[in-house]
PDB file of N, CA and C in Angstrom:
ATOM      1  N   MET A   1      33.320  -8.999  -0.841  1.00  0.00           N
ATOM      2  CA  MET A   1      33.412  -7.880  -0.303  1.00  0.00           C
ATOM      3  C   MET A   1      31.667  -7.757  -0.687  1.00  0.00           C
ATOM      4  N   LEU A   2      31.408  -6.873   0.338  1.00  0.00           N
ATOM      5  CA  LEU A   2      30.266  -6.475   0.284  1.00  0.00           C
ATOM      6  C   LEU A   2      29.867  -5.220  -0.173  1.00  0.00           C
ATOM      7  N   THR A   3      28.500  -5.312  -1.473  1.00  0.00           N
ATOM      8  CA  THR A   3      28.650  -3.598  -1.210  1.00  0.00           C
ATOM      9  C   THR A   3      27.414  -3.470  -0.601  1.00  0.00           C
ATOM     10  N   ILE A   4      27.289  -1.873  -0.671  1.00  0.00           N
ATOM     11  CA  ILE A   4      25.722  -1.170   0.743  1.00  0.00           C
ATOM     12  C   ILE A   4      25.898   0.151  -0.686  1.00  0.00           C
ATOM     13  N   PRO A   5      24.339  -0.645  -1.250  1.00  0.00           N
ATOM     14  CA  PRO A   5      24.371   0.788  -1.926  1.00  0.00           C
ATOM     15  C   PRO A   5      23.665   1.626  -1.350  1.00  0.00           C
ATOM     16  N   TYR A   6      23.959   2.359  -2.289  1.00  0.00           N
ATOM     17  CA  TYR A   6      23.991   4.597  -1.410  1.00  0.00           C
ATOM     18  C   TYR A   6      22.134   4.891  -1.416  1.00  0.00           C
ATOM     19  N   HIS A   7      22.168   5.123  -0.723  1.00  0.00           N
ATOM     20  CA  HIS A   7      20.201   5.900  -0.840  1.00  0.00           C
ATOM     21  C   HIS A   7      20.100   7.279  -0.574  1.00  0.00           C
ATOM     22  N   PHE A   8      19.815   7.959  -1.097  1.00  0.00           N
ATOM     23  CA  PHE A   8      20.083   9.506  -1.312  1.00  0.00           C
ATOM     24  C   PHE A   8      19.004   9.239   0.029  1.00  0.00           C
ATOM     25  N   PRO A   9      19.372  10.276   0.595  1.00  0.00           N
ATOM     26  CA  PRO A   9      18.184  10.068   1.480  1.00  0.00           C
ATOM     27  C   PRO A   9      16.794  11.519   1.536  1.00  0.00           C
ATOM     28  N   MET A  10      16.269  10.574   2.677  1.00  0.00           N
ATOM     29  CA  MET A  10      15.124  10.850   1.902  1.00  0.00           C
ATOM     30  C   MET A  10      14.290  12.153   2.726  1.00  0.00           C
ATOM     31  N   LYS A  11      13.423  13.087   1.971  1.00  0.00           N
ATOM     32  CA  LYS A  11      13.134  14.392   2.288  1.00  0.00           C
ATOM     33  C   LYS A  11      11.816  14.389   3.631  1.00  0.00           C
ATOM     34  N   ALA A  12      11.813  14.495   4.323  1.00  0.00           N
ATOM     35  CA  ALA A  12      11.201  14.420   6.100  1.00  0.00           C
ATOM     36  C   ALA A  12       9.452  14.796   5.145  1.00  0.00           C
ATOM     37  N   GLU A  13       8.564  13.821   5.439  1.00  0.00           N
ATOM     38  CA  GLU A  13       7.890  14.880   5.872  1.00  0.00           C
ATOM     39  C   GLU A  13       6.688  14.617   6.759  1.00  0.00           C
ATOM     40  N   TYR A  14       6.179  15.654   6.952  1.00  0.00           N
ATOM     41  CA  TYR A  14       4.670  15.877   7.919  1.00  0.00           C
ATOM     42  C   TYR A  14       3.049  15.590   7.875  1.00  0.00           C
ATOM     43  N   THR A  15       2.899  14.660   8.460  1.00  0.00           N
ATOM     44  CA  THR A  15       0.983  15.201   8.793  1.00  0.00           C
ATOM     45  C   THR A  15       1.126  14.583   9.636  1.00  0.00           C
ATOM     46  N   THR A  16      -0.589  14.894  10.103  1.00  0.00           N
ATOM     47  CA  THR A  16      -1.570  15.133  11.248  1.00  0.00           C
ATOM     48  C   THR A  16      -2.227  13.450  11.441  1.00  0.00           C
ATOM     49  N   LEU A  17      -2.922  12.734  12.153  1.00  0.00           N
ATOM     50  CA  LEU A  17      -3.623  11.850  12.371  1.00  0.00           C
ATOM     51  C   LEU A  17      -4.904  12.421  12.710  1.00  0.00           C
ATOM     52  N   SER A  18      -5.949  12.642  12.574  1.00  0.00           N
ATOM     53  CA  SER A  18      -7.584  13.592  12.654  1.00  0.00           C
ATOM     54  C   SER A  18      -8.166  12.140  13.223  1.00  0.00           C
ATOM     55  N   THR A  19      -9.749  12.792  13.844  1.00  0.00           N
ATOM     56  CA  THR A  19     -10.261  12.200  14.387  1.00  0.00           C
ATOM     57  C   THR A  19     -10.642  10.879  14.521  1.00  0.00           C
ATOM     58  N   LYS A  20     -10.964  10.492  12.724  1.00  0.00           N
ATOM     59  CA  LYS A  20     -11.419   9.475  12.231  1.00  0.00           C
ATOM     60  C   LYS A  20     -10.132   8.715  11.264  1.00  0.00           C
ATOM     61  N   GLY A  21      -9.401   8.997  12.140  1.00  0.00           N
ATOM     62  CA  GLY A  21      -8.586   8.588  11.555  1.00  0.00           C
ATOM     63  C   GLY A  21      -7.503   8.468   9.989  1.00  0.00           C
ATOM     64  N   GLN A  22      -8.126   9.552   9.259  1.00  0.00           N
ATOM     65  CA  GLN A  22      -7.612   9.710   8.061  1.00  0.00           C
ATOM     66  C   GLN A  22      -6.768  10.894   7.909  1.00  0.00           C
ATOM     67  N   ILE A  23      -4.896  10.379   7.334  1.00  0.00           N
ATOM     68  CA  ILE A  23      -3.919  11.552   6.887  1.00  0.00           C
ATOM     69  C   ILE A  23      -4.183  12.265   5.383  1.00  0.00           C
ATOM     70  N   ILE A  24      -3.554  13.023   5.180  1.00  0.00           N
ATOM     71  CA  ILE A  24      -3.437  13.742   4.045  1.00  0.00           C
ATOM     72  C   ILE A  24      -2.034  13.557   3.562  1.00  0.00           C
ATOM     73  N   ILE A  25      -1.960  12.928   2.194  1.00  0.00           N
ATOM     74  CA  ILE A  25      -0.807  13.035   2.019  1.00  0.00           C
ATOM     75  C   ILE A  25       0.418  14.153   1.529  1.00  0.00           C
ATOM     76  N   PRO A  26       1.002  14.525   1.889  1.00  0.00           N
ATOM     77  CA  PRO A  26       1.409  16.369   1.303  1.00  0.00           C
ATOM     78  C   PRO A  26       1.413  15.947  -0.605  1.00  0.00           C
ATOM     79  N   ALA A  27       0.922  17.085  -1.252  1.00  0.00           N
ATOM     80  CA  ALA A  27       0.577  17.615  -2.561  1.00  0.00           C
ATOM     81  C   ALA A  27       2.423  16.895  -3.130  1.00  0.00           C
ATOM     82  N   GLU A  28       3.107  17.659  -3.108  1.00  0.00           N
ATOM     83  CA  GLU A  28       4.400  16.987  -3.618  1.00  0.00           C
ATOM     84  C   GLU A  28       4.513  15.596  -3.681  1.00  0.00           C
ATOM     85  N   ILE A  29       4.301  15.073  -2.463  1.00  0.00           N
ATOM     86  CA  ILE A  29       4.985  13.433  -3.081  1.00  0.00           C
ATOM     87  C   ILE A  29       3.136  12.841  -3.587  1.00  0.00           C
ATOM     88  N   ARG A  30       1.899  12.896  -3.400  1.00  0.00           N
ATOM     89  CA  ARG A  30       1.136  12.942  -5.067  1.00  0.00           C
ATOM     90  C   ARG A  30       1.104  13.532  -5.749  1.00  0.00           C
ATOM     91  N   GLU A  31       2.268  14.784  -5.939  1.00  0.00           N
ATOM     92  CA  GLU A  31       2.561  15.166  -8.089  1.00  0.00           C
ATOM     93  C   GLU A  31       3.777  14.537  -7.813  1.00  0.00           C
ATOM     94  N   GLN A  32       4.683  13.394  -7.481  1.00  0.00           N
ATOM     95  CA  GLN A  32       5.840  12.774  -7.460  1.00  0.00           C
ATOM     96  C   GLN A  32       5.553  11.907  -8.350  1.00  0.00           C
ATOM     97  N   MET A  33       4.273  10.957  -7.253  1.00  0.00           N
ATOM     98  CA  MET A  33       4.101   9.480  -7.767  1.00  0.00           C
ATOM     99  C   MET A  33       2.674   9.219  -8.369  1.00  0.00           C
ATOM    100  N   LYS A  34       2.832  10.683  -8.649  1.00  0.00           N
ATOM    101  CA  LYS A  34       0.626  10.634  -9.307  1.00  0.00           C
ATOM    102  C   LYS A  34      -0.395  10.629  -8.793  1.00  0.00           C
ATOM    103  N   LEU A  35      -0.322  10.282  -7.920  1.00  0.00           N
ATOM    104  CA  LEU A  35      -1.341  10.052  -7.310  1.00  0.00           C
ATOM    105  C   LEU A  35      -2.933  10.756  -7.681  1.00  0.00           C
ATOM    106  N   ALA A  36      -4.243  10.167  -8.059  1.00  0.00           N
ATOM    107  CA  ALA A  36      -4.888  10.640  -8.233  1.00  0.00           C
ATOM    108  C   ALA A  36      -5.955  10.675  -7.152  1.00  0.00           C
ATOM    109  N   VAL A  37      -6.860  11.478  -6.695  1.00  0.00           N
ATOM    110  CA  VAL A  37      -7.800  11.304  -6.587  1.00  0.00           C
ATOM    111  C   VAL A  37      -8.788   9.900  -6.681  1.00  0.00           C
ATOM    112  N   GLY A  38      -9.041   9.078  -5.240  1.00  0.00           N
ATOM    113  CA  GLY A  38     -10.207   7.664  -5.703  1.00  0.00           C
ATOM    114  C   GLY A  38      -8.923   6.826  -5.569  1.00  0.00           C
ATOM    115  N   THR A  39      -7.695   7.098  -5.757  1.00  0.00           N
ATOM    116  CA  THR A  39      -6.373   5.679  -5.600  1.00  0.00           C
ATOM    117  C   THR A  39      -6.549   4.759  -4.348  1.00  0.00           C
ATOM    118  N   LYS A  40      -6.478   3.999  -5.123  1.00  0.00           N
ATOM    119  CA  LYS A  40      -6.613   3.038  -3.576  1.00  0.00           C
ATOM    120  C   LYS A  40      -5.509   2.675  -3.538  1.00  0.00           C
ATOM    121  N   LEU A  41      -5.185   2.217  -1.776  1.00  0.00           N
ATOM    122  CA  LEU A  41      -4.252   2.287  -1.625  1.00  0.00           C
ATOM    123  C   LEU A  41      -3.659   0.977  -0.649  1.00  0.00           C
ATOM    124  N   SER A  42      -3.033   0.721  -0.880  1.00  0.00           N
ATOM    125  CA  SER A  42      -2.565  -0.661   0.549  1.00  0.00           C
ATOM    126  C   SER A  42      -1.771   0.093   1.015  1.00  0.00           C
ATOM    127  N   ILE A  43      -1.746  -1.067   2.804  1.00  0.00           N
ATOM    128  CA  ILE A  43      -1.224   0.073   3.815  1.00  0.00           C
ATOM    129  C   ILE A  43      -0.728  -1.681   4.800  1.00  0.00           C
ATOM    130  N   GLN A  44      -0.050  -1.718   4.825  1.00  0.00           N
ATOM    131  CA  GLN A  44       1.144  -3.129   5.646  1.00  0.00           C
ATOM    132  C   GLN A  44       1.208  -2.027   7.370  1.00  0.00           C
ATOM    133  N   ARG A  45       1.642  -3.439   8.254  1.00  0.00           N
ATOM    134  CA  ARG A  45       2.600  -2.726   9.567  1.00  0.00           C
ATOM    135  C   ARG A  45       4.214  -3.229   9.851  1.00  0.00           C
ATOM    136  N   ASP A  46       4.893  -3.213   9.603  1.00  0.00           N
ATOM    137  CA  ASP A  46       6.051  -3.208   9.908  1.00  0.00           C
ATOM    138  C   ASP A  46       6.827  -3.459  10.906  1.00  0.00           C
ATOM    139  N   GLY A  47       6.691  -4.137  11.837  1.00  0.00           N
ATOM    140  CA  GLY A  47       6.654  -3.053  13.314  1.00  0.00           C
ATOM    141  C   GLY A  47       6.782  -2.340  13.713  1.00  0.00           C
ATOM    142  N   GLN A  48       6.755  -0.947  13.841  1.00  0.00           N
ATOM    143  CA  GLN A  48       6.184   0.735  14.329  1.00  0.00           C
ATOM    144  C   GLN A  48       6.308   1.102  12.984  1.00  0.00           C
ATOM    145  N   THR A  49       6.766   0.086  11.501  1.00  0.00           N
ATOM    146  CA  THR A  49       6.891   1.191  10.029  1.00  0.00           C
ATOM    147  C   THR A  49       5.021   0.815   9.565  1.00  0.00           C
ATOM    148  N   LEU A  50       4.566   2.228   9.180  1.00  0.00           N
ATOM    149  CA  LEU A  50       3.557   1.915   8.253  1.00  0.00           C
ATOM    150  C   LEU A  50       4.341   2.169   7.047  1.00  0.00           C
ATOM    151  N   ILE A  51       3.933   1.066   5.748  1.00  0.00           N
ATOM    152  CA  ILE A  51       3.946   0.947   4.286  1.00  0.00           C
ATOM    153  C   ILE A  51       3.002   1.452   3.395  1.00  0.00           C
ATOM    154  N   LEU A  52       3.057   2.893   2.531  1.00  0.00           N
ATOM    155  CA  LEU A  52       1.728   2.891   2.025  1.00  0.00           C
ATOM    156  C   LEU A  52       1.797   2.597   0.883  1.00  0.00           C
ATOM    157  N   ARG A  53       1.580   1.580  -0.416  1.00  0.00           N
ATOM    158  CA  ARG A  53       1.496   1.659  -1.467  1.00  0.00           C
ATOM    159  C   ARG A  53       0.109   1.746  -2.371  1.00  0.00           C
ATOM    160  N   PRO A  54       0.810   2.494  -3.245  1.00  0.00           N
ATOM    161  CA  PRO A  54      -0.843   2.275  -4.802  1.00  0.00           C
ATOM    162  C   PRO A  54      -1.034   1.154  -5.139  1.00  0.00           C
ATOM    163  N   ILE A  55      -2.322   0.534  -5.378  1.00  0.00           N
ATOM    164  CA  ILE A  55      -2.751  -0.809  -5.796  1.00  0.00           C
ATOM    165  C   ILE A  55      -2.758  -0.178  -7.861  1.00  0.00           C
ATOM    166  N   THR A  56      -1.509  -0.418  -8.179  1.00  0.00           N
ATOM    167  CA  THR A  56      -1.527  -0.545  -8.727  1.00  0.00           C
ATOM    168  C   THR A  56      -0.735  -2.087 -10.001  1.00  0.00           C
ATOM    169  N   PRO A  57      -0.984  -1.597 -11.207  1.00  0.00           N
ATOM    170  CA  PRO A  57      -0.536  -3.582 -11.628  1.00  0.00           C
ATOM    171  C   PRO A  57      -0.013  -3.637 -11.603  1.00  0.00           C
ATOM    172  N   GLU A  58       0.970  -3.544 -11.643  1.00  0.00           N
ATOM    173  CA  GLU A  58       2.802  -3.757 -11.133  1.00  0.00           C
ATOM    174  C   GLU A  58       2.181  -4.443  -8.798  1.00  0.00           C
ATOM    175  N   PHE A  59       1.411  -3.928  -8.427  1.00  0.00           N
ATOM    176  CA  PHE A  59       1.982  -4.150  -7.224  1.00  0.00           C
ATOM    177  C   PHE A  59       0.914  -5.464  -7.530  1.00  0.00           C
ATOM    178  N   ILE A  60      -0.141  -5.487  -8.325  1.00  0.00           N
ATOM    179  CA  ILE A  60      -0.894  -6.131  -8.507  1.00  0.00           C
ATOM    180  C   ILE A  60       0.196  -7.843  -8.677  1.00  0.00           C
ATOM    181  N   ASP A  61       0.153  -7.276  -9.599  1.00  0.00           N
ATOM    182  CA  ASP A  61       1.659  -9.078 -10.276  1.00  0.00           C
ATOM    183  C   ASP A  61       2.197  -9.053  -8.961  1.00  0.00           C
ATOM    184  N   SER A  62       2.880  -8.036  -8.211  1.00  0.00           N
ATOM    185  CA  SER A  62       3.900  -8.634  -7.500  1.00  0.00           C
ATOM    186  C   SER A  62       2.979  -9.431  -5.723  1.00  0.00           C
ATOM    187  N   LEU A  63       2.272  -9.756  -6.375  1.00  0.00           N
ATOM    188  CA  LEU A  63       0.734 -10.305  -4.875  1.00  0.00           C
ATOM    189  C   LEU A  63       0.619 -11.807  -5.496  1.00  0.00           C
ATOM    190  N   CYS A  64       0.914 -12.441  -6.906  1.00  0.00           N
ATOM    191  CA  CYS A  64       1.289 -13.475  -7.480  1.00  0.00           C
ATOM    192  C   CYS A  64       1.565 -15.035  -6.822  1.00  0.00           C
ATOM    193  N   GLY A  65       1.324 -15.846  -6.235  1.00  0.00           N
ATOM    194  CA  GLY A  65       1.882 -16.380  -4.921  1.00  0.00           C
ATOM    195  C   GLY A  65       1.431 -16.258  -4.272  1.00  0.00           C
ATOM    196  N   SER A  66       1.622 -15.228  -3.623  1.00  0.00           N
ATOM    197  CA  SER A  66       1.372 -14.956  -1.642  1.00  0.00           C
ATOM    198  C   SER A  66      -0.190 -15.489  -1.310  1.00  0.00           C
ATOM    199  N   THR A  67      -1.114 -15.902  -2.461  1.00  0.00           N
ATOM    200  CA  THR A  67      -2.007 -16.234  -1.673  1.00  0.00           C
ATOM    201  C   THR A  67      -2.153 -17.712  -1.977  1.00  0.00           C
ATOM    202  N   LYS A  68      -1.167 -18.483  -1.854  1.00  0.00           N
ATOM    203  CA  LYS A  68      -1.375 -20.004  -1.962  1.00  0.00           C
ATOM    204  C   LYS A  68      -1.490 -20.692  -0.740  1.00  0.00           C
ATOM    205  N   GLY A  69      -3.115 -21.538  -1.974  1.00  0.00           N
ATOM    206  CA  GLY A  69      -3.169 -22.365  -0.696  1.00  0.00           C
ATOM    207  C   GLY A  69      -4.903 -21.969  -0.218  1.00  0.00           C
ATOM    208  N   LEU A  70      -4.824 -20.800  -0.285  1.00  0.00           N
ATOM    209  CA  LEU A  70      -6.064 -19.899   0.103  1.00  0.00           C
ATOM    210  C   LEU A  70      -7.109 -19.523  -0.905  1.00  0.00           C
ATOM    211  N   GLY A  71      -7.162 -20.625  -1.779  1.00  0.00           N
ATOM    212  CA  GLY A  71      -8.235 -20.848  -3.230  1.00  0.00           C
ATOM    213  C   GLY A  71     -10.118 -20.948  -2.860  1.00  0.00           C
ATOM    214  N   LYS A  72      -9.988 -21.545  -1.410  1.00  0.00           N
ATOM    215  CA  LYS A  72     -11.035 -22.010  -0.305  1.00  0.00           C
ATOM    216  C   LYS A  72     -11.896 -20.893   0.042  1.00  0.00           C
ATOM    217  N   LEU A  73     -11.194 -20.033   0.400  1.00  0.00           N
ATOM    218  CA  LEU A  73     -11.128 -19.435   1.328  1.00  0.00           C
ATOM    219  C   LEU A  73     -11.728 -18.116   0.557  1.00  0.00           C
ATOM    220  N   ARG A  74     -10.691 -17.514  -0.314  1.00  0.00           N
ATOM    221  CA  ARG A  74     -10.823 -16.245  -1.846  1.00  0.00           C
ATOM    222  C   ARG A  74     -13.068 -16.808  -1.900  1.00  0.00           C
ATOM    223  N   ASP A  75     -12.892 -18.069  -2.427  1.00  0.00           N
ATOM    224  CA  ASP A  75     -14.068 -18.643  -2.643  1.00  0.00           C
ATOM    225  C   ASP A  75     -15.716 -18.302  -1.882  1.00  0.00           C
ATOM    226  N   ALA A  76     -14.817 -18.643  -0.343  1.00  0.00           N
ATOM    227  CA  ALA A  76     -15.858 -18.566   0.093  1.00  0.00           C
ATOM    228  C   ALA A  76     -16.205 -16.440  -0.044  1.00  0.00           C
ATOM    229  N   MET A  77     -15.642 -16.438   0.093  1.00  0.00           N
ATOM    230  CA  MET A  77     -15.210 -15.172  -0.021  1.00  0.00           C
ATOM    231  C   MET A  77     -16.427 -14.148  -0.552  1.00  0.00           C
ATOM    232  N   HIS A  78     -16.185 -14.874  -1.819  1.00  0.00           N
ATOM    233  CA  HIS A  78     -16.496 -14.019  -3.221  1.00  0.00           C
ATOM    234  C   HIS A  78     -18.404 -14.620  -3.469  1.00  0.00           C
ATOM    235  N   ARG A  79     -18.869 -16.346  -3.393  1.00  0.00           N
ATOM    236  CA  ARG A  79     -19.390 -16.265  -2.529  1.00  0.00           C
ATOM    237  C   ARG A  79     -20.539 -15.311  -1.574  1.00  0.00           C
ATOM    238  N   ASP A  80     -19.686 -14.673  -1.061  1.00  0.00           N
ATOM    239  CA  ASP A  80     -19.929 -13.966   0.565  1.00  0.00           C
ATOM    240  C   ASP A  80     -21.038 -12.770  -0.218  1.00  0.00           C
ATOM    241  N   ASP A  81     -19.325 -12.073  -1.362  1.00  0.00           N
ATOM    242  CA  ASP A  81     -20.409 -10.742  -1.583  1.00  0.00           C
ATOM    243  C   ASP A  81     -20.910 -10.729  -3.127  1.00  0.00           C
ATOM    244  N   LYS A  82     -21.566 -11.914  -3.768  1.00  0.00           N
ATOM    245  CA  LYS A  82     -22.492 -12.531  -4.525  1.00  0.00           C
ATOM    246  C   LYS A  82     -24.034 -11.979  -3.855  1.00  0.00           C
ATOM    247  N   GLU A  83     -23.865 -13.374  -2.745  1.00  0.00           N
ATOM    248  CA  GLU A  83     -25.800 -13.250  -2.040  1.00  0.00           C
ATOM    249  C   GLU A  83     -25.604 -11.609  -0.987  1.00  0.00           C
ATOM    250  N   ARG A  84     -24.382 -10.768  -1.081  1.00  0.00           N
ATOM    251  CA  ARG A  84     -25.267  -9.206  -1.113  1.00  0.00           C
ATOM    252  C   ARG A  84     -26.001  -9.117  -1.907  1.00  0.00           C
TER     253      ARG A  84
END
């Protein structure tokens, strides 16, 4: 038997892209998600969908293993940063 979890409908909020490519996250959403000034966000594209996620310790933990094999690239990037 296939069980599909019930999801509460999401309330739609709307915003406009500025000429500088910026968006405003509506206050209600910022308050609900406890987003403060200076919060870093991850943005990913999934087809025609943009996914914004606050960079939190949980987000960082979810990345464990996602860069497997990229150690040499990461080391080179850190070397470049130190040289600047």
